[in-house]
Amino acid sequence: MTSSSSDTYDVILDARGLICPMPVLKAKKSLRDVPGGGILKVMATDPGSVADMKAFCEMTGNRLVSSKEEDGVFVYHIEKAGA
């Protein structure tokens, strides 16, 4: 697990520059490498990813722990279901 200040995660996905639906598809694939109860950090620049990540988590049973925007980059922390 990696952490810096309050940023803790098991796997990071850099989806900056990708447009819908790629950030969600890559997040789905990256979650395979996250243990149950672990955290996937996703960085994306597509504004559509805000609604997409929320819907993806609701449909898959994973939990969207946080969602924020920092200088044009949307940062998500997703907790994988099955802890």
Protein backbone atom coordinates (compact mmCIF):
# COMPACT_ATOMS: atom_id res chain seq x y z
CA MET A 1 0.00 0.00 0.00
CA THR A 2 1.28 3.44 -0.90
CA SER A 3 0.53 6.58 1.02
CA SER A 4 1.53 10.20 0.96
CA SER A 5 -0.15 12.47 3.49
CA SER A 6 -3.80 11.39 3.33
CA ASP A 7 -3.53 9.61 -0.05
CA THR A 8 -3.57 5.86 0.55
CA TYR A 9 -4.04 3.26 -2.19
CA ASP A 10 -2.95 -0.21 -3.35
CA VAL A 11 -2.92 0.37 -7.12
CA ILE A 12 -2.83 3.58 -9.16
CA LEU A 13 -4.29 4.08 -12.63
CA ASP A 14 -3.27 7.07 -14.74
CA ALA A 15 -6.15 7.55 -17.20
CA ARG A 16 -5.33 11.18 -17.97
CA GLY A 17 -5.93 12.05 -21.61
CA LEU A 18 -8.38 9.19 -22.15
CA ILE A 19 -12.02 9.84 -23.03
CA CYS A 20 -15.19 7.93 -22.20
CA PRO A 21 -15.47 4.99 -21.80
CA MET A 22 -11.75 4.25 -21.42
CA PRO A 23 -11.20 5.52 -17.84
CA VAL A 24 -13.95 3.21 -16.55
CA LEU A 25 -12.84 0.25 -18.67
CA LYS A 26 -9.26 0.64 -17.46
CA ALA A 27 -10.48 1.01 -13.86
CA LYS A 28 -12.41 -2.25 -14.20
CA LYS A 29 -9.27 -3.99 -15.46
CA SER A 30 -7.03 -2.42 -12.80
CA LEU A 31 -9.35 -3.56 -10.00
CA ARG A 32 -8.26 -7.13 -10.80
CA ASP A 33 -4.90 -6.24 -9.23
CA VAL A 34 -6.48 -4.78 -6.07
CA PRO A 35 -7.15 -7.10 -3.11
CA GLY A 36 -10.67 -7.18 -1.64
CA GLY A 37 -11.07 -4.12 0.55
CA GLY A 38 -8.10 -2.47 -1.18
CA ILE A 39 -8.07 0.93 -2.84
CA LEU A 40 -7.63 1.82 -6.51
CA LYS A 41 -6.62 5.43 -7.17
CA VAL A 42 -7.70 6.70 -10.59
CA MET A 43 -6.56 9.96 -12.19
CA ALA A 44 -8.57 11.14 -15.23
CA THR A 45 -9.04 14.34 -17.20
CA ASP A 46 -12.37 13.49 -18.86
CA PRO A 47 -15.15 15.48 -17.10
CA GLY A 48 -17.55 12.67 -18.01
CA SER A 49 -15.61 10.36 -15.72
CA VAL A 50 -17.28 11.97 -12.68
CA ALA A 51 -20.69 10.45 -13.48
CA ASP A 52 -19.14 7.35 -15.04
CA MET A 53 -17.08 6.36 -11.98
CA LYS A 54 -20.06 6.87 -9.67
CA ALA A 55 -22.30 4.73 -11.88
CA PHE A 56 -19.58 2.10 -12.32
CA CYS A 57 -19.17 1.72 -8.55
CA GLU A 58 -22.92 1.52 -7.99
CA MET A 59 -23.30 -1.17 -10.67
CA THR A 60 -20.35 -3.29 -9.52
CA GLY A 61 -20.74 -3.05 -5.75
CA ASN A 62 -17.42 -1.28 -5.30
CA ARG A 63 -17.37 1.85 -3.12
CA LEU A 64 -16.39 5.29 -4.38
CA VAL A 65 -14.48 6.47 -1.31
CA SER A 66 -13.62 9.90 -2.68
CA SER A 67 -13.93 11.97 -5.82
CA LYS A 68 -12.25 15.33 -6.24
CA GLU A 69 -10.85 17.63 -8.91
CA GLU A 70 -7.33 19.05 -8.65
CA ASP A 71 -6.11 21.41 -11.38
CA GLY A 72 -8.20 19.78 -14.12
CA VAL A 73 -7.46 16.22 -12.98
CA PHE A 74 -10.25 14.17 -11.45
CA VAL A 75 -8.97 11.88 -8.69
CA TYR A 76 -11.01 8.90 -7.49
CA HIS A 77 -10.39 6.40 -4.72
CA ILE A 78 -12.37 3.19 -5.24
CA GLU A 79 -12.57 0.48 -2.58
CA LYS A 80 -12.85 -2.97 -4.12
CA ALA A 81 -15.78 -5.03 -2.88
CA GLY A 82 -15.13 -8.29 -1.10
CA ALA A 83 -12.99 -7.29 1.87
